[in-house]
Amino acid sequence: MEDNPKLEIKIQGHICCNYPVEDDGFDYDNGDTHLSVNRAKAVYDYLVAHGIDPNRMSYEGLGGKFHLVNPEKTEADMTKNRRVEIKIIKK
């Protein structure tokens, strides 16, 4: 983002496992039920702490709405679904 000062992004957190689509996962570190949001916000906070303008970024948690692997049969499947994606909004 330092090399592309006009770039704007959206950071999206995802979770694995069999939560209902409308629910988010339990975050054991924070003790709340906003795991995908917390995952995305951690990346956002890292970028802000390293000098990226927060006005160029947003973040959201999408819970388990968009699994890459469905159904999950192995730990590797679950690992693929636990992720953060960065979407380019403006170049």
PDB file of N, CA and C in Angstrom:
ATOM      1  N   MET A   1       0.829  -1.184   0.000  1.00  0.00           N
ATOM      2  CA  MET A   1       0.000   0.000   0.000  1.00  0.00           C
ATOM      3  C   MET A   1       0.875   1.250   0.000  1.00  0.00           C
ATOM      4  N   GLU A   2       2.082   1.104   0.519  1.00  0.00           N
ATOM      5  CA  GLU A   2       3.001   2.242   0.473  1.00  0.00           C
ATOM      6  C   GLU A   2       3.372   2.571  -0.965  1.00  0.00           C
ATOM      7  N   ASP A   3       3.491   1.574  -1.820  1.00  0.00           N
ATOM      8  CA  ASP A   3       3.855   1.788  -3.220  1.00  0.00           C
ATOM      9  C   ASP A   3       2.675   2.247  -4.074  1.00  0.00           C
ATOM     10  N   ASN A   4       1.459   2.093  -3.567  1.00  0.00           N
ATOM     11  CA  ASN A   4       0.241   2.466  -4.299  1.00  0.00           C
ATOM     12  C   ASN A   4      -0.620   3.365  -3.413  1.00  0.00           C
ATOM     13  N   PRO A   5      -0.296   4.651  -3.313  1.00  0.00           N
ATOM     14  CA  PRO A   5      -0.964   5.535  -2.354  1.00  0.00           C
ATOM     15  C   PRO A   5      -2.459   5.775  -2.600  1.00  0.00           C
ATOM     16  N   LYS A   6      -2.975   5.413  -3.767  1.00  0.00           N
ATOM     17  CA  LYS A   6      -4.409   5.579  -4.037  1.00  0.00           C
ATOM     18  C   LYS A   6      -5.199   4.305  -3.780  1.00  0.00           C
ATOM     19  N   LEU A   7      -4.510   3.215  -3.489  1.00  0.00           N
ATOM     20  CA  LEU A   7      -5.156   1.927  -3.273  1.00  0.00           C
ATOM     21  C   LEU A   7      -6.032   1.960  -2.020  1.00  0.00           C
ATOM     22  N   GLU A   8      -7.259   1.460  -2.149  1.00  0.00           N
ATOM     23  CA  GLU A   8      -8.179   1.307  -1.024  1.00  0.00           C
ATOM     24  C   GLU A   8      -8.598  -0.153  -0.959  1.00  0.00           C
ATOM     25  N   ILE A   9      -8.689  -0.670   0.267  1.00  0.00           N
ATOM     26  CA  ILE A   9      -8.983  -2.098   0.436  1.00  0.00           C
ATOM     27  C   ILE A   9     -10.082  -2.336   1.467  1.00  0.00           C
ATOM     28  N   LYS A  10     -10.660  -3.516   1.375  1.00  0.00           N
ATOM     29  CA  LYS A  10     -11.571  -4.024   2.397  1.00  0.00           C
ATOM     30  C   LYS A  10     -10.992  -5.342   2.888  1.00  0.00           C
ATOM     31  N   ILE A  11     -10.827  -5.454   4.200  1.00  0.00           N
ATOM     32  CA  ILE A  11     -10.267  -6.641   4.820  1.00  0.00           C
ATOM     33  C   ILE A  11     -11.421  -7.483   5.337  1.00  0.00           C
ATOM     34  N   GLN A  12     -11.489  -8.750   4.905  1.00  0.00           N
ATOM     35  CA  GLN A  12     -12.607  -9.614   5.242  1.00  0.00           C
ATOM     36  C   GLN A  12     -12.123 -10.842   6.013  1.00  0.00           C
ATOM     37  N   GLY A  13     -12.688 -11.030   7.202  1.00  0.00           N
ATOM     38  CA  GLY A  13     -12.357 -12.182   8.017  1.00  0.00           C
ATOM     39  C   GLY A  13     -13.359 -13.300   7.804  1.00  0.00           C
ATOM     40  N   HIS A  14     -12.864 -14.545   7.850  1.00  0.00           N
ATOM     41  CA  HIS A  14     -13.689 -15.741   7.650  1.00  0.00           C
ATOM     42  C   HIS A  14     -13.387 -16.755   8.750  1.00  0.00           C
ATOM     43  N   ILE A  15     -14.330 -17.645   8.995  1.00  0.00           N
ATOM     44  CA  ILE A  15     -14.144 -18.717   9.976  1.00  0.00           C
ATOM     45  C   ILE A  15     -14.463 -20.062   9.341  1.00  0.00           C
ATOM     46  N   CYS A  16     -14.076 -21.086  10.035  1.00  0.00           N
ATOM     47  CA  CYS A  16     -14.367 -22.448   9.589  1.00  0.00           C
ATOM     48  C   CYS A  16     -15.550 -23.008  10.383  1.00  0.00           C
ATOM     49  N   CYS A  17     -15.737 -24.244  10.191  1.00  0.00           N
ATOM     50  CA  CYS A  17     -16.570 -25.090  11.051  1.00  0.00           C
ATOM     51  C   CYS A  17     -18.055 -24.917  10.826  1.00  0.00           C
ATOM     52  N   ASN A  18     -18.826 -25.526  11.660  1.00  0.00           N
ATOM     53  CA  ASN A  18     -20.256 -25.662  11.415  1.00  0.00           C
ATOM     54  C   ASN A  18     -21.116 -24.683  12.188  1.00  0.00           C
ATOM     55  N   TYR A  19     -20.712 -23.428  12.251  1.00  0.00           N
ATOM     56  CA  TYR A  19     -21.577 -22.412  12.853  1.00  0.00           C
ATOM     57  C   TYR A  19     -22.714 -22.114  11.893  1.00  0.00           C
ATOM     58  N   PRO A  20     -23.874 -21.742  12.406  1.00  0.00           N
ATOM     59  CA  PRO A  20     -24.921 -21.264  11.491  1.00  0.00           C
ATOM     60  C   PRO A  20     -24.391 -20.061  10.702  1.00  0.00           C
ATOM     61  N   VAL A  21     -24.804 -19.944   9.454  1.00  0.00           N
ATOM     62  CA  VAL A  21     -24.278 -18.905   8.563  1.00  0.00           C
ATOM     63  C   VAL A  21     -24.410 -17.504   9.164  1.00  0.00           C
ATOM     64  N   GLU A  22     -25.485 -17.257   9.883  1.00  0.00           N
ATOM     65  CA  GLU A  22     -25.700 -15.916  10.427  1.00  0.00           C
ATOM     66  C   GLU A  22     -24.864 -15.643  11.679  1.00  0.00           C
ATOM     67  N   ASP A  23     -24.215 -16.670  12.226  1.00  0.00           N
ATOM     68  CA  ASP A  23     -23.406 -16.512  13.436  1.00  0.00           C
ATOM     69  C   ASP A  23     -21.934 -16.365  13.101  1.00  0.00           C
ATOM     70  N   ASP A  24     -21.216 -15.772  14.032  1.00  0.00           N
ATOM     71  CA  ASP A  24     -19.771 -15.695  13.953  1.00  0.00           C
ATOM     72  C   ASP A  24     -19.211 -16.693  14.960  1.00  0.00           C
ATOM     73  N   GLY A  25     -17.939 -16.952  14.917  1.00  0.00           N
ATOM     74  CA  GLY A  25     -17.332 -17.922  15.820  1.00  0.00           C
ATOM     75  C   GLY A  25     -16.941 -17.308  17.153  1.00  0.00           C
ATOM     76  N   PHE A  26     -16.705 -18.179  18.132  1.00  0.00           N
ATOM     77  CA  PHE A  26     -16.261 -17.728  19.447  1.00  0.00           C
ATOM     78  C   PHE A  26     -14.764 -17.489  19.409  1.00  0.00           C
ATOM     79  N   ASP A  27     -14.356 -16.311  19.846  1.00  0.00           N
ATOM     80  CA  ASP A  27     -12.948 -15.928  19.893  1.00  0.00           C
ATOM     81  C   ASP A  27     -12.436 -16.155  21.312  1.00  0.00           C
ATOM     82  N   TYR A  28     -11.671 -17.219  21.499  1.00  0.00           N
ATOM     83  CA  TYR A  28     -11.178 -17.563  22.830  1.00  0.00           C
ATOM     84  C   TYR A  28     -10.206 -16.516  23.371  1.00  0.00           C
ATOM     85  N   ASP A  29      -9.481 -15.849  22.493  1.00  0.00           N
ATOM     86  CA  ASP A  29      -8.541 -14.818  22.944  1.00  0.00           C
ATOM     87  C   ASP A  29      -9.266 -13.601  23.520  1.00  0.00           C
ATOM     88  N   ASN A  30     -10.351 -13.193  22.872  1.00  0.00           N
ATOM     89  CA  ASN A  30     -11.091 -12.002  23.312  1.00  0.00           C
ATOM     90  C   ASN A  30     -12.303 -12.330  24.174  1.00  0.00           C
ATOM     91  N   GLY A  31     -12.727 -13.585  24.171  1.00  0.00           N
ATOM     92  CA  GLY A  31     -13.878 -13.985  24.965  1.00  0.00           C
ATOM     93  C   GLY A  31     -15.208 -13.496  24.419  1.00  0.00           C
ATOM     94  N   ASP A  32     -15.266 -13.259  23.089  1.00  0.00           N
ATOM     95  CA  ASP A  32     -16.528 -12.800  22.503  1.00  0.00           C
ATOM     96  C   ASP A  32     -16.890 -13.665  21.289  1.00  0.00           C
ATOM     97  N   THR A  33     -18.006 -13.358  20.681  1.00  0.00           N
ATOM     98  CA  THR A  33     -18.479 -14.137  19.533  1.00  0.00           C
ATOM     99  C   THR A  33     -18.355 -13.339  18.237  1.00  0.00           C
ATOM    100  N   HIS A  34     -17.186 -12.763  18.037  1.00  0.00           N
ATOM    101  CA  HIS A  34     -16.925 -11.950  16.839  1.00  0.00           C
ATOM    102  C   HIS A  34     -15.602 -12.360  16.191  1.00  0.00           C
ATOM    103  N   LEU A  35     -15.377 -13.658  16.053  1.00  0.00           N
ATOM    104  CA  LEU A  35     -14.087 -14.160  15.599  1.00  0.00           C
ATOM    105  C   LEU A  35     -13.698 -13.619  14.231  1.00  0.00           C
ATOM    106  N   SER A  36     -14.588 -13.662  13.254  1.00  0.00           N
ATOM    107  CA  SER A  36     -14.210 -13.207  11.910  1.00  0.00           C
ATOM    108  C   SER A  36     -13.962 -11.699  11.890  1.00  0.00           C
ATOM    109  N   VAL A  37     -14.722 -10.939  12.642  1.00  0.00           N
ATOM    110  CA  VAL A  37     -14.502  -9.490  12.746  1.00  0.00           C
ATOM    111  C   VAL A  37     -13.147  -9.224  13.401  1.00  0.00           C
ATOM    112  N   ASN A  38     -12.874  -9.911  14.495  1.00  0.00           N
ATOM    113  CA  ASN A  38     -11.605  -9.723  15.207  1.00  0.00           C
ATOM    114  C   ASN A  38     -10.417 -10.098  14.324  1.00  0.00           C
ATOM    115  N   ARG A  39     -10.581 -11.121  13.520  1.00  0.00           N
ATOM    116  CA  ARG A  39      -9.525 -11.561  12.608  1.00  0.00           C
ATOM    117  C   ARG A  39      -9.221 -10.444  11.596  1.00  0.00           C
ATOM    118  N   ALA A  40     -10.246  -9.881  10.998  1.00  0.00           N
ATOM    119  CA  ALA A  40     -10.059  -8.809  10.019  1.00  0.00           C
ATOM    120  C   ALA A  40      -9.503  -7.553  10.681  1.00  0.00           C
ATOM    121  N   LYS A  41      -9.997  -7.233  11.867  1.00  0.00           N
ATOM    122  CA  LYS A  41      -9.539  -6.031  12.573  1.00  0.00           C
ATOM    123  C   LYS A  41      -8.072  -6.145  12.974  1.00  0.00           C
ATOM    124  N   ALA A  42      -7.605  -7.347  13.269  1.00  0.00           N
ATOM    125  CA  ALA A  42      -6.193  -7.539  13.610  1.00  0.00           C
ATOM    126  C   ALA A  42      -5.296  -7.148  12.433  1.00  0.00           C
ATOM    127  N   VAL A  43      -5.694  -7.497  11.226  1.00  0.00           N
ATOM    128  CA  VAL A  43      -4.922  -7.112  10.038  1.00  0.00           C
ATOM    129  C   VAL A  43      -5.008  -5.596   9.843  1.00  0.00           C
ATOM    130  N   TYR A  44      -6.206  -5.047   9.979  1.00  0.00           N
ATOM    131  CA  TYR A  44      -6.408  -3.598   9.877  1.00  0.00           C
ATOM    132  C   TYR A  44      -5.522  -2.861  10.882  1.00  0.00           C
ATOM    133  N   ASP A  45      -5.554  -3.283  12.137  1.00  0.00           N
ATOM    134  CA  ASP A  45      -4.747  -2.640  13.183  1.00  0.00           C
ATOM    135  C   ASP A  45      -3.260  -2.740  12.883  1.00  0.00           C
ATOM    136  N   TYR A  46      -2.818  -3.874  12.359  1.00  0.00           N
ATOM    137  CA  TYR A  46      -1.410  -4.049  11.997  1.00  0.00           C
ATOM    138  C   TYR A  46      -1.010  -3.031  10.932  1.00  0.00           C
ATOM    139  N   LEU A  47      -1.837  -2.908   9.896  1.00  0.00           N
ATOM    140  CA  LEU A  47      -1.515  -1.972   8.819  1.00  0.00           C
ATOM    141  C   LEU A  47      -1.511  -0.526   9.314  1.00  0.00           C
ATOM    142  N   VAL A  48      -2.467  -0.168  10.150  1.00  0.00           N
ATOM    143  CA  VAL A  48      -2.488   1.183  10.725  1.00  0.00           C
ATOM    144  C   VAL A  48      -1.234   1.420  11.553  1.00  0.00           C
ATOM    145  N   ALA A  49      -0.852   0.447  12.373  1.00  0.00           N
ATOM    146  CA  ALA A  49       0.339   0.572  13.219  1.00  0.00           C
ATOM    147  C   ALA A  49       1.619   0.708  12.390  1.00  0.00           C
ATOM    148  N   HIS A  50       1.560   0.252  11.140  1.00  0.00           N
ATOM    149  CA  HIS A  50       2.730   0.347  10.265  1.00  0.00           C
ATOM    150  C   HIS A  50       2.586   1.479   9.245  1.00  0.00           C
ATOM    151  N   GLY A  51       1.742   2.458   9.563  1.00  0.00           N
ATOM    152  CA  GLY A  51       1.713   3.700   8.803  1.00  0.00           C
ATOM    153  C   GLY A  51       0.728   3.806   7.667  1.00  0.00           C
ATOM    154  N   ILE A  52      -0.153   2.842   7.505  1.00  0.00           N
ATOM    155  CA  ILE A  52      -1.143   2.930   6.436  1.00  0.00           C
ATOM    156  C   ILE A  52      -2.334   3.747   6.936  1.00  0.00           C
ATOM    157  N   ASP A  53      -2.770   4.704   6.124  1.00  0.00           N
ATOM    158  CA  ASP A  53      -3.884   5.592   6.474  1.00  0.00           C
ATOM    159  C   ASP A  53      -5.170   4.773   6.667  1.00  0.00           C
ATOM    160  N   PRO A  54      -5.783   4.852   7.847  1.00  0.00           N
ATOM    161  CA  PRO A  54      -7.004   4.070   8.095  1.00  0.00           C
ATOM    162  C   PRO A  54      -8.171   4.458   7.181  1.00  0.00           C
ATOM    163  N   ASN A  55      -8.132   5.641   6.606  1.00  0.00           N
ATOM    164  CA  ASN A  55      -9.203   6.065   5.690  1.00  0.00           C
ATOM    165  C   ASN A  55      -9.154   5.327   4.362  1.00  0.00           C
ATOM    166  N   ARG A  56      -8.078   4.601   4.117  1.00  0.00           N
ATOM    167  CA  ARG A  56      -7.944   3.823   2.886  1.00  0.00           C
ATOM    168  C   ARG A  56      -8.387   2.380   3.063  1.00  0.00           C
ATOM    169  N   MET A  57      -8.847   2.044   4.274  1.00  0.00           N
ATOM    170  CA  MET A  57      -9.175   0.652   4.569  1.00  0.00           C
ATOM    171  C   MET A  57     -10.491   0.553   5.337  1.00  0.00           C
ATOM    172  N   SER A  58     -11.118  -0.590   5.192  1.00  0.00           N
ATOM    173  CA  SER A  58     -12.245  -0.949   6.047  1.00  0.00           C
ATOM    174  C   SER A  58     -12.109  -2.440   6.336  1.00  0.00           C
ATOM    175  N   TYR A  59     -12.864  -2.910   7.312  1.00  0.00           N
ATOM    176  CA  TYR A  59     -12.819  -4.340   7.630  1.00  0.00           C
ATOM    177  C   TYR A  59     -14.206  -4.817   7.986  1.00  0.00           C
ATOM    178  N   GLU A  60     -14.417  -6.121   7.787  1.00  0.00           N
ATOM    179  CA  GLU A  60     -15.690  -6.744   8.133  1.00  0.00           C
ATOM    180  C   GLU A  60     -15.468  -8.219   8.396  1.00  0.00           C
ATOM    181  N   GLY A  61     -16.361  -8.779   9.187  1.00  0.00           N
ATOM    182  CA  GLY A  61     -16.355 -10.206   9.439  1.00  0.00           C
ATOM    183  C   GLY A  61     -17.485 -10.857   8.675  1.00  0.00           C
ATOM    184  N   LEU A  62     -17.172 -11.909   7.958  1.00  0.00           N
ATOM    185  CA  LEU A  62     -18.184 -12.605   7.164  1.00  0.00           C
ATOM    186  C   LEU A  62     -18.548 -13.968   7.747  1.00  0.00           C
ATOM    187  N   GLY A  63     -18.017 -14.265   8.921  1.00  0.00           N
ATOM    188  CA  GLY A  63     -18.348 -15.531   9.569  1.00  0.00           C
ATOM    189  C   GLY A  63     -18.046 -16.709   8.661  1.00  0.00           C
ATOM    190  N   GLY A  64     -18.974 -17.651   8.586  1.00  0.00           N
ATOM    191  CA  GLY A  64     -18.804 -18.839   7.759  1.00  0.00           C
ATOM    192  C   GLY A  64     -19.636 -18.803   6.495  1.00  0.00           C
ATOM    193  N   LYS A  65     -19.944 -17.621   5.995  1.00  0.00           N
ATOM    194  CA  LYS A  65     -20.801 -17.499   4.812  1.00  0.00           C
ATOM    195  C   LYS A  65     -20.149 -17.969   3.527  1.00  0.00           C
ATOM    196  N   PHE A  66     -18.829 -17.860   3.450  1.00  0.00           N
ATOM    197  CA  PHE A  66     -18.136 -18.130   2.191  1.00  0.00           C
ATOM    198  C   PHE A  66     -16.979 -19.107   2.398  1.00  0.00           C
ATOM    199  N   HIS A  67     -17.303 -20.358   2.610  1.00  0.00           N
ATOM    200  CA  HIS A  67     -16.276 -21.383   2.764  1.00  0.00           C
ATOM    201  C   HIS A  67     -15.617 -21.678   1.420  1.00  0.00           C
ATOM    202  N   LEU A  68     -14.317 -21.876   1.456  1.00  0.00           N
ATOM    203  CA  LEU A  68     -13.605 -22.342   0.269  1.00  0.00           C
ATOM    204  C   LEU A  68     -13.798 -23.844   0.090  1.00  0.00           C
ATOM    205  N   VAL A  69     -13.916 -24.553   1.212  1.00  0.00           N
ATOM    206  CA  VAL A  69     -14.109 -26.005   1.199  1.00  0.00           C
ATOM    207  C   VAL A  69     -15.403 -26.313   1.955  1.00  0.00           C
ATOM    208  N   ASN A  70     -16.327 -26.986   1.276  1.00  0.00           N
ATOM    209  CA  ASN A  70     -17.590 -27.325   1.912  1.00  0.00           C
ATOM    210  C   ASN A  70     -18.103 -28.625   1.292  1.00  0.00           C
ATOM    211  N   PRO A  71     -18.316 -29.643   2.048  1.00  0.00           N
ATOM    212  CA  PRO A  71     -18.210 -29.705   3.502  1.00  0.00           C
ATOM    213  C   PRO A  71     -16.759 -29.887   3.948  1.00  0.00           C
ATOM    214  N   GLU A  72     -16.496 -29.475   5.159  1.00  0.00           N
ATOM    215  CA  GLU A  72     -15.173 -29.659   5.750  1.00  0.00           C
ATOM    216  C   GLU A  72     -15.086 -31.085   6.288  1.00  0.00           C
ATOM    217  N   LYS A  73     -14.107 -31.825   5.799  1.00  0.00           N
ATOM    218  CA  LYS A  73     -13.962 -33.210   6.245  1.00  0.00           C
ATOM    219  C   LYS A  73     -12.686 -33.431   7.042  1.00  0.00           C
ATOM    220  N   THR A  74     -11.719 -32.545   6.879  1.00  0.00           N
ATOM    221  CA  THR A  74     -10.429 -32.720   7.544  1.00  0.00           C
ATOM    222  C   THR A  74     -10.002 -31.414   8.210  1.00  0.00           C
ATOM    223  N   GLU A  75      -8.978 -31.501   9.027  1.00  0.00           N
ATOM    224  CA  GLU A  75      -8.403 -30.297   9.644  1.00  0.00           C
ATOM    225  C   GLU A  75      -7.860 -29.366   8.555  1.00  0.00           C
ATOM    226  N   ALA A  76      -7.318 -29.925   7.492  1.00  0.00           N
ATOM    227  CA  ALA A  76      -6.817 -29.105   6.383  1.00  0.00           C
ATOM    228  C   ALA A  76      -7.953 -28.315   5.738  1.00  0.00           C
ATOM    229  N   ASP A  77      -9.127 -28.915   5.611  1.00  0.00           N
ATOM    230  CA  ASP A  77     -10.297 -28.205   5.077  1.00  0.00           C
ATOM    231  C   ASP A  77     -10.650 -27.019   5.972  1.00  0.00           C
ATOM    232  N   MET A  78     -10.669 -27.259   7.281  1.00  0.00           N
ATOM    233  CA  MET A  78     -10.997 -26.188   8.224  1.00  0.00           C
ATOM    234  C   MET A  78      -9.960 -25.068   8.172  1.00  0.00           C
ATOM    235  N   THR A  79      -8.699 -25.446   8.047  1.00  0.00           N
ATOM    236  CA  THR A  79      -7.620 -24.458   7.974  1.00  0.00           C
ATOM    237  C   THR A  79      -7.797 -23.557   6.756  1.00  0.00           C
ATOM    238  N   LYS A  80      -8.211 -24.112   5.631  1.00  0.00           N
ATOM    239  CA  LYS A  80      -8.429 -23.306   4.421  1.00  0.00           C
ATOM    240  C   LYS A  80      -9.555 -22.294   4.617  1.00  0.00           C
ATOM    241  N   ASN A  81     -10.534 -22.636   5.419  1.00  0.00           N
ATOM    242  CA  ASN A  81     -11.666 -21.742   5.647  1.00  0.00           C
ATOM    243  C   ASN A  81     -11.377 -20.672   6.700  1.00  0.00           C
ATOM    244  N   ARG A  82     -10.365 -20.875   7.537  1.00  0.00           N
ATOM    245  CA  ARG A  82      -9.942 -19.871   8.526  1.00  0.00           C
ATOM    246  C   ARG A  82      -8.982 -18.933   7.824  1.00  0.00           C
ATOM    247  N   ARG A  83      -9.479 -17.755   7.454  1.00  0.00           N
ATOM    248  CA  ARG A  83      -8.628 -16.892   6.639  1.00  0.00           C
ATOM    249  C   ARG A  83      -9.064 -15.440   6.717  1.00  0.00           C
ATOM    250  N   VAL A  84      -8.190 -14.592   6.184  1.00  0.00           N
ATOM    251  CA  VAL A  84      -8.496 -13.186   5.953  1.00  0.00           C
ATOM    252  C   VAL A  84      -8.204 -12.935   4.481  1.00  0.00           C
ATOM    253  N   GLU A  85      -9.150 -12.297   3.818  1.00  0.00           N
ATOM    254  CA  GLU A  85      -8.968 -11.925   2.418  1.00  0.00           C
ATOM    255  C   GLU A  85      -8.950 -10.408   2.315  1.00  0.00           C
ATOM    256  N   ILE A  86      -8.199  -9.914   1.358  1.00  0.00           N
ATOM    257  CA  ILE A  86      -8.133  -8.472   1.124  1.00  0.00           C
ATOM    258  C   ILE A  86      -8.684  -8.217  -0.270  1.00  0.00           C
ATOM    259  N   LYS A  87      -9.741  -7.416  -0.327  1.00  0.00           N
ATOM    260  CA  LYS A  87     -10.379  -7.049  -1.584  1.00  0.00           C
ATOM    261  C   LYS A  87      -9.953  -5.636  -1.960  1.00  0.00           C
ATOM    262  N   ILE A  88      -9.555  -5.449  -3.193  1.00  0.00           N
ATOM    263  CA  ILE A  88      -9.200  -4.114  -3.671  1.00  0.00           C
ATOM    264  C   ILE A  88     -10.489  -3.391  -4.039  1.00  0.00           C
ATOM    265  N   ILE A  89     -10.677  -2.238  -3.443  1.00  0.00           N
ATOM    266  CA  ILE A  89     -11.879  -1.427  -3.691  1.00  0.00           C
ATOM    267  C   ILE A  89     -11.605  -0.361  -4.748  1.00  0.00           C
ATOM    268  N   LYS A  90     -10.408   0.233  -4.662  1.00  0.00           N
ATOM    269  CA  LYS A  90     -10.046   1.310  -5.601  1.00  0.00           C
ATOM    270  C   LYS A  90      -8.557   1.245  -5.876  1.00  0.00           C
ATOM    271  N   LYS A  91      -8.184   1.322  -7.152  1.00  0.00           N
ATOM    272  CA  LYS A  91      -6.760   1.307  -7.531  1.00  0.00           C
ATOM    273  C   LYS A  91      -6.241   2.707  -7.726  1.00  0.00           C
TER     274      LYS A  91
END
